[in-house]
Each structure stands twice: as structure tokens, then as C-alpha cells.
Protein backbone atom coordinates (compact mmCIF):
# COMPACT_ATOMS: atom_id res chain seq x y z
CA ALA A 1 136.91 6.62 -85.72
CA ALA A 2 135.96 6.60 -89.40
CA GLU A 3 135.21 2.88 -89.09
CA SER A 4 132.53 3.84 -86.71
CA CYS A 5 130.57 4.78 -89.80
CA THR A 6 130.51 1.36 -90.83
CA MET A 7 129.39 -0.14 -87.72
CA ASN A 8 125.67 -1.34 -86.99
CA PRO A 9 123.73 1.41 -85.18
CA LEU A 10 122.82 0.64 -81.44
CA GLN A 11 119.45 0.53 -80.11
CA LYS A 12 119.02 1.57 -76.44
CA ARG A 13 116.39 2.85 -74.00
CA LEU A 14 117.90 5.68 -72.51
CA PRO A 15 116.42 7.80 -69.52
CA GLY A 16 115.44 11.20 -70.05
CA SER A 17 117.55 12.17 -67.16
CA LEU A 18 120.91 11.17 -68.84
CA LYS A 19 123.24 13.88 -69.24
CA ILE A 20 124.91 14.52 -72.70
CA GLY A 21 128.25 14.05 -71.08
CA ARG A 22 127.64 10.69 -69.96
CA LEU A 23 126.13 9.80 -73.33
CA LYS A 24 129.38 10.77 -74.91
CA MET A 25 131.21 8.49 -72.59
CA MET A 26 128.92 5.67 -73.63
CA CYS A 27 129.62 6.40 -77.32
CA THR A 28 133.35 6.44 -76.68
CA ARG A 29 132.92 2.80 -75.21
CA ALA A 30 130.68 1.89 -78.11
CA PHE A 31 132.32 3.26 -81.08
CA GLY A 32 136.08 4.35 -79.87
CA LEU A 33 135.91 7.96 -80.59
CA GLU A 34 137.17 10.51 -77.72
CA VAL A 35 134.58 12.52 -76.00
CA GLU A 36 136.34 15.75 -76.85
CA LEU A 37 135.97 14.80 -80.66
CA GLN A 38 132.27 14.00 -80.59
CA ILE A 39 129.39 16.16 -81.73
CA LEU A 40 125.93 14.71 -80.90
CA HIS A 41 122.64 15.35 -82.61
CA PHE A 42 119.31 13.79 -82.29
CA ARG A 43 116.50 13.62 -84.77
CA GLY A 44 113.01 12.74 -83.55
CA GLU A 45 110.29 10.66 -85.41
CA GLY A 46 109.01 12.90 -88.32
CA ASP A 47 111.80 15.64 -87.95
CA ALA A 48 113.57 16.66 -91.39
CA PHE A 49 116.79 17.78 -89.72
CA PRO A 50 118.87 16.83 -86.71
CA SER A 51 119.30 19.14 -83.63
CA GLU A 52 122.51 19.51 -82.10
CA MET A 53 122.94 18.63 -78.40
CA ASP A 54 125.81 21.04 -77.56
CA ASP A 55 125.86 21.13 -73.77
CA ASP A 56 127.37 18.25 -71.75
CA GLU A 57 125.69 19.32 -68.57
CA ASN A 58 122.08 19.37 -70.16
CA THR A 59 119.93 16.02 -70.13
CA LEU A 60 118.19 14.20 -72.98
CA ALA A 61 114.82 15.43 -71.71
CA PHE A 62 116.05 19.11 -71.98
CA TYR A 63 116.44 18.65 -75.77
CA GLY A 64 113.38 16.99 -76.06
CA VAL A 65 114.57 13.53 -76.96
CA SER A 66 111.79 11.02 -76.92
CA ASP A 67 111.11 7.42 -77.52
CA GLY A 68 112.17 6.38 -81.02
CA ALA A 69 114.50 9.33 -81.42
CA GLU A 70 117.92 8.57 -83.38
CA ILE A 71 120.97 9.86 -81.81
CA LEU A 72 123.87 10.75 -84.32
CA MET A 73 127.45 11.01 -83.61
CA ASN A 74 129.69 13.15 -85.54
CA GLU A 75 133.55 13.55 -85.43
CA VAL A 76 134.98 17.16 -84.93
CA ASP A 77 137.21 18.17 -87.76
CA VAL A 78 140.32 19.14 -85.94
CA LYS A 79 142.03 20.61 -88.86
CA ALA A 80 139.12 22.85 -89.81
CA LYS A 81 138.70 23.83 -86.12
CA LYS A 82 142.37 24.81 -85.95
CA ASP A 83 142.19 26.85 -89.29
CA GLU A 84 138.97 28.58 -88.02
CA ALA A 85 140.65 29.77 -84.73
CA GLU A 86 143.71 30.88 -86.89
CA LYS A 87 141.50 32.77 -88.85
CA GLN A 88 139.84 34.67 -86.11
CA ARG A 89 143.24 35.46 -84.44
CA GLU A 90 144.26 37.10 -87.74
CA ALA A 91 141.13 39.15 -87.95
CA GLN A 92 141.58 40.27 -84.32
CA ASN A 93 145.11 41.35 -84.89
CA GLN A 94 144.02 43.44 -87.93
């Protein structure tokens, strides 16, 4: 999926009623990264930093995504996530 970084961005008009989970499925088809490995953020015009869209059941409108916004897709670092879970288990066992 690292090759998705070199792909040209897509420009699409998306309805505000589109759920994040459905958007992730669209991203899977476009970029080849499985839904479970995606983290989506958006950045509106004039926003310095992107905001995470972390609930697949919420809509674009819920997050305030408007015309001209940029949606960014990142890949979950599976190894880092596994290491973090292991650290949390160790901390609970102490």
C-alpha cells in the first residue's frame, strides 16, 4: 500500500451523508489498502492541521467536511500497534 503515496490524488464530490466506513471501502478500491489498515483525516481550506475521522458510523457532515476539503488516508502501523498493546498488557500485569 506504500505505492498509494505515489498515486495521483483523486478529486470527487461526496455527499455529506456518506459514512466514513463507506468512504474507506471506496479508498480500498482506489488505493488498494484494506479498510482495517486505514486512518482517515480531513483538512478544510485554511486549516493548518488535519482532523481524524475515527468513527466509521459517522458521516462526512458530522465531521464538518465541506466543499474543497482534502481527505487524507494513512496506513496503520501494525507493528507499532502490536508493541503498544504488549506494553499495556505488561503494565496491567505489574
